[in-house]
């Protein structure tokens, strides 16, 4: 069975396991709403942008980025949404 990280986290959370908060972004037009929701819920302004692929090594391939503010979040999300990862 292949699960994306967000799917695995959802299953774990349903069984009482504490997980990091996260949101799947399918549409760049929702980035304001999604980021504001996470800021409200967690108090942080840092984000981790992750590609959801069924392969290892996504970090080395550029599929995981830590960003420190909304401007970086928006920029990295745009790059990642159009990127083909080779792992």
N, C-alpha and C. Protein backbone atom coordinates (compact mmCIF):
# COMPACT_ATOMS: atom_id res chain seq x y z
N UNK A 1 0.85 -1.17 0.00
CA UNK A 1 0.00 0.00 0.00
C UNK A 1 0.90 1.23 0.00
N UNK A 2 0.61 2.16 -0.86
CA UNK A 2 1.34 3.42 -0.92
C UNK A 2 0.48 4.53 -0.34
N UNK A 3 1.02 5.22 0.65
CA UNK A 3 0.35 6.36 1.26
C UNK A 3 1.24 7.58 1.14
N UNK A 4 0.62 8.70 0.91
CA UNK A 4 1.35 9.96 1.01
C UNK A 4 1.48 10.29 2.50
N UNK A 5 2.43 11.15 2.82
CA UNK A 5 2.65 11.52 4.22
C UNK A 5 1.38 12.06 4.87
N UNK A 6 0.67 12.92 4.18
CA UNK A 6 -0.53 13.52 4.78
C UNK A 6 -1.60 12.46 5.05
N UNK A 7 -1.66 11.42 4.21
CA UNK A 7 -2.63 10.35 4.42
C UNK A 7 -2.26 9.52 5.65
N UNK A 8 -0.98 9.22 5.79
CA UNK A 8 -0.51 8.48 6.96
C UNK A 8 -0.75 9.25 8.25
N UNK A 9 -0.49 10.56 8.21
CA UNK A 9 -0.72 11.40 9.39
C UNK A 9 -2.18 11.41 9.79
N UNK A 10 -3.07 11.43 8.81
CA UNK A 10 -4.50 11.43 9.10
C UNK A 10 -4.90 10.14 9.82
N UNK A 11 -4.40 9.02 9.34
CA UNK A 11 -4.70 7.73 9.97
C UNK A 11 -4.14 7.69 11.39
N UNK A 12 -2.91 8.13 11.57
CA UNK A 12 -2.30 8.14 12.91
C UNK A 12 -3.09 9.03 13.87
N UNK A 13 -3.49 10.21 13.40
CA UNK A 13 -4.25 11.14 14.24
C UNK A 13 -5.59 10.54 14.66
N UNK A 14 -6.21 9.79 13.78
CA UNK A 14 -7.49 9.14 14.10
C UNK A 14 -7.34 8.11 15.22
N UNK A 15 -6.12 7.65 15.42
CA UNK A 15 -5.85 6.66 16.46
C UNK A 15 -5.12 7.26 17.66
N UNK A 16 -5.19 8.58 17.78
CA UNK A 16 -4.69 9.25 18.97
C UNK A 16 -3.21 9.57 18.98
N UNK A 17 -2.50 9.39 17.88
CA UNK A 17 -1.07 9.71 17.82
C UNK A 17 -0.92 11.21 17.56
N UNK A 18 -0.08 11.87 18.36
CA UNK A 18 0.19 13.29 18.14
C UNK A 18 1.02 13.45 16.88
N UNK A 19 0.60 14.34 16.01
CA UNK A 19 1.32 14.60 14.76
C UNK A 19 1.50 16.10 14.59
N UNK A 20 2.44 16.47 13.72
CA UNK A 20 2.60 17.88 13.39
C UNK A 20 1.43 18.32 12.53
N UNK A 21 1.02 19.56 12.72
CA UNK A 21 -0.10 20.10 11.95
C UNK A 21 0.35 20.34 10.52
N UNK A 22 -0.54 20.10 9.60
CA UNK A 22 -0.23 20.33 8.21
C UNK A 22 -1.49 20.41 7.39
N UNK A 23 -1.36 20.96 6.21
CA UNK A 23 -2.49 21.12 5.31
C UNK A 23 -2.02 20.80 3.90
N UNK A 24 -2.84 20.11 3.15
CA UNK A 24 -2.53 19.83 1.75
C UNK A 24 -3.03 21.01 0.91
N UNK A 25 -2.18 21.51 0.07
CA UNK A 25 -2.52 22.64 -0.79
C UNK A 25 -2.63 22.15 -2.22
N UNK A 26 -3.83 22.17 -2.76
CA UNK A 26 -4.06 21.74 -4.14
C UNK A 26 -4.14 22.92 -5.10
N UNK A 27 -4.38 24.11 -4.56
CA UNK A 27 -4.61 25.28 -5.39
C UNK A 27 -3.84 26.46 -4.79
N UNK A 28 -2.94 27.05 -5.55
CA UNK A 28 -2.14 28.17 -5.05
C UNK A 28 -2.99 29.36 -4.64
N UNK A 29 -4.21 29.45 -5.16
CA UNK A 29 -5.09 30.56 -4.78
C UNK A 29 -5.56 30.45 -3.33
N UNK A 30 -5.38 29.28 -2.71
CA UNK A 30 -5.80 29.08 -1.32
C UNK A 30 -4.66 29.25 -0.32
N UNK A 31 -3.50 29.66 -0.78
CA UNK A 31 -2.33 29.72 0.09
C UNK A 31 -2.52 30.70 1.25
N UNK A 32 -3.19 31.82 1.01
CA UNK A 32 -3.46 32.79 2.09
C UNK A 32 -4.31 32.15 3.18
N UNK A 33 -5.39 31.53 2.77
CA UNK A 33 -6.33 30.92 3.72
C UNK A 33 -5.64 29.81 4.52
N UNK A 34 -4.90 28.95 3.83
CA UNK A 34 -4.25 27.82 4.48
C UNK A 34 -3.16 28.29 5.44
N UNK A 35 -2.34 29.22 5.00
CA UNK A 35 -1.24 29.68 5.87
C UNK A 35 -1.78 30.44 7.08
N UNK A 36 -2.80 31.25 6.89
CA UNK A 36 -3.37 31.98 8.03
C UNK A 36 -4.00 31.03 9.04
N UNK A 37 -4.60 29.96 8.56
CA UNK A 37 -5.19 28.96 9.45
C UNK A 37 -4.10 28.30 10.29
N UNK A 38 -2.98 27.94 9.66
CA UNK A 38 -1.88 27.32 10.41
C UNK A 38 -1.24 28.29 11.40
N UNK A 39 -1.09 29.54 11.01
CA UNK A 39 -0.54 30.55 11.92
C UNK A 39 -1.45 30.70 13.14
N UNK A 40 -2.75 30.76 12.89
CA UNK A 40 -3.73 30.88 13.96
C UNK A 40 -3.69 29.68 14.91
N UNK A 41 -3.59 28.48 14.36
CA UNK A 41 -3.63 27.26 15.16
C UNK A 41 -2.33 26.96 15.89
N UNK A 42 -1.20 27.34 15.29
CA UNK A 42 0.09 26.95 15.85
C UNK A 42 0.91 28.10 16.41
N UNK A 43 0.64 29.32 15.96
CA UNK A 43 1.40 30.48 16.41
C UNK A 43 2.72 30.67 15.68
N UNK A 44 3.02 29.83 14.73
CA UNK A 44 4.29 29.95 14.02
C UNK A 44 4.11 30.69 12.71
N UNK A 45 5.20 31.25 12.22
CA UNK A 45 5.19 31.85 10.89
C UNK A 45 6.17 31.13 9.98
N UNK A 46 6.79 30.06 10.48
CA UNK A 46 7.67 29.21 9.69
C UNK A 46 6.83 28.05 9.14
N UNK A 47 7.19 27.60 7.95
CA UNK A 47 6.48 26.50 7.32
C UNK A 47 7.48 25.52 6.71
N UNK A 48 7.03 24.30 6.50
CA UNK A 48 7.78 23.32 5.74
C UNK A 48 6.91 22.94 4.54
N UNK A 49 7.43 23.20 3.36
CA UNK A 49 6.71 22.88 2.13
C UNK A 49 7.24 21.54 1.64
N UNK A 50 6.33 20.57 1.46
CA UNK A 50 6.75 19.22 1.08
C UNK A 50 5.97 18.73 -0.13
N UNK A 51 6.71 18.17 -1.08
CA UNK A 51 6.07 17.48 -2.21
C UNK A 51 5.53 16.16 -1.69
N UNK A 52 4.40 15.74 -2.19
CA UNK A 52 3.82 14.46 -1.80
C UNK A 52 3.99 13.49 -2.96
N UNK A 53 5.01 12.63 -2.83
CA UNK A 53 5.29 11.65 -3.87
C UNK A 53 5.49 10.27 -3.23
N UNK A 54 5.30 9.23 -4.00
CA UNK A 54 5.52 7.87 -3.52
C UNK A 54 6.95 7.44 -3.84
N UNK A 55 7.92 8.10 -3.21
CA UNK A 55 9.33 7.74 -3.42
C UNK A 55 10.15 8.32 -2.28
N UNK A 56 11.26 7.72 -2.01
CA UNK A 56 12.17 8.27 -1.01
C UNK A 56 13.06 9.33 -1.65
N UNK A 57 13.75 10.07 -0.82
CA UNK A 57 14.72 11.04 -1.32
C UNK A 57 14.14 12.35 -1.80
N UNK A 58 12.91 12.66 -1.43
CA UNK A 58 12.31 13.90 -1.94
C UNK A 58 13.05 15.13 -1.43
N UNK A 59 13.62 15.05 -0.23
CA UNK A 59 14.38 16.18 0.31
C UNK A 59 15.62 16.48 -0.52
N UNK A 60 16.35 15.45 -0.88
CA UNK A 60 17.55 15.62 -1.69
C UNK A 60 17.21 16.11 -3.09
N UNK A 61 16.01 15.81 -3.56
CA UNK A 61 15.58 16.21 -4.90
C UNK A 61 14.93 17.60 -4.90
N UNK A 62 14.91 18.27 -3.76
CA UNK A 62 14.30 19.60 -3.69
C UNK A 62 12.83 19.60 -3.34
N UNK A 63 12.33 18.47 -2.85
CA UNK A 63 10.92 18.36 -2.54
C UNK A 63 10.54 18.69 -1.12
N UNK A 64 11.49 19.20 -0.32
CA UNK A 64 11.21 19.64 1.05
C UNK A 64 11.95 20.96 1.26
N UNK A 65 11.23 22.00 1.62
CA UNK A 65 11.82 23.32 1.85
C UNK A 65 11.28 23.93 3.14
N UNK A 66 12.18 24.47 3.96
CA UNK A 66 11.79 25.20 5.16
C UNK A 66 11.78 26.68 4.80
N UNK A 67 10.66 27.35 5.11
CA UNK A 67 10.53 28.77 4.80
C UNK A 67 10.20 29.54 6.06
N UNK A 68 10.65 30.79 6.12
CA UNK A 68 10.56 31.58 7.35
C UNK A 68 9.45 32.62 7.37
N UNK A 69 8.78 32.80 6.23
CA UNK A 69 7.71 33.80 6.18
C UNK A 69 6.78 33.53 5.00
N UNK A 70 5.73 34.32 4.92
CA UNK A 70 4.72 34.09 3.89
C UNK A 70 5.27 34.28 2.48
N UNK A 71 6.14 35.26 2.29
CA UNK A 71 6.69 35.50 0.96
C UNK A 71 7.48 34.29 0.46
N UNK A 72 8.31 33.72 1.35
CA UNK A 72 9.07 32.52 0.97
C UNK A 72 8.13 31.33 0.74
N UNK A 73 7.09 31.23 1.56
CA UNK A 73 6.12 30.15 1.41
C UNK A 73 5.46 30.21 0.04
N UNK A 74 5.02 31.39 -0.33
CA UNK A 74 4.35 31.57 -1.62
C UNK A 74 5.29 31.23 -2.77
N UNK A 75 6.53 31.70 -2.69
CA UNK A 75 7.52 31.46 -3.73
C UNK A 75 7.84 29.96 -3.88
N UNK A 76 8.12 29.29 -2.76
CA UNK A 76 8.47 27.87 -2.81
C UNK A 76 7.29 27.00 -3.22
N UNK A 77 6.10 27.35 -2.80
CA UNK A 77 4.92 26.59 -3.19
C UNK A 77 4.70 26.67 -4.70
N UNK A 78 4.90 27.85 -5.28
CA UNK A 78 4.75 28.00 -6.73
C UNK A 78 5.78 27.16 -7.47
N UNK A 79 7.02 27.17 -6.98
CA UNK A 79 8.08 26.37 -7.61
C UNK A 79 7.76 24.89 -7.50
N UNK A 80 7.37 24.46 -6.32
CA UNK A 80 7.15 23.04 -6.08
C UNK A 80 5.94 22.50 -6.84
N UNK A 81 4.92 23.29 -6.99
CA UNK A 81 3.70 22.83 -7.67
C UNK A 81 3.97 22.51 -9.13
N UNK A 82 4.96 23.15 -9.74
CA UNK A 82 5.24 22.90 -11.14
C UNK A 82 6.48 22.06 -11.38
N UNK A 83 7.04 21.50 -10.31
CA UNK A 83 8.31 20.80 -10.41
C UNK A 83 8.12 19.28 -10.60
N UNK A 84 8.98 18.70 -11.42
CA UNK A 84 9.02 17.26 -11.56
C UNK A 84 10.22 16.78 -10.74
N UNK A 85 9.95 15.96 -9.72
CA UNK A 85 11.02 15.47 -8.86
C UNK A 85 11.59 14.17 -9.40
N UNK A 86 12.89 14.10 -9.44
CA UNK A 86 13.57 12.87 -9.83
C UNK A 86 14.36 12.41 -8.62
N UNK A 87 13.94 11.27 -8.05
CA UNK A 87 14.60 10.77 -6.84
C UNK A 87 15.31 9.46 -7.11
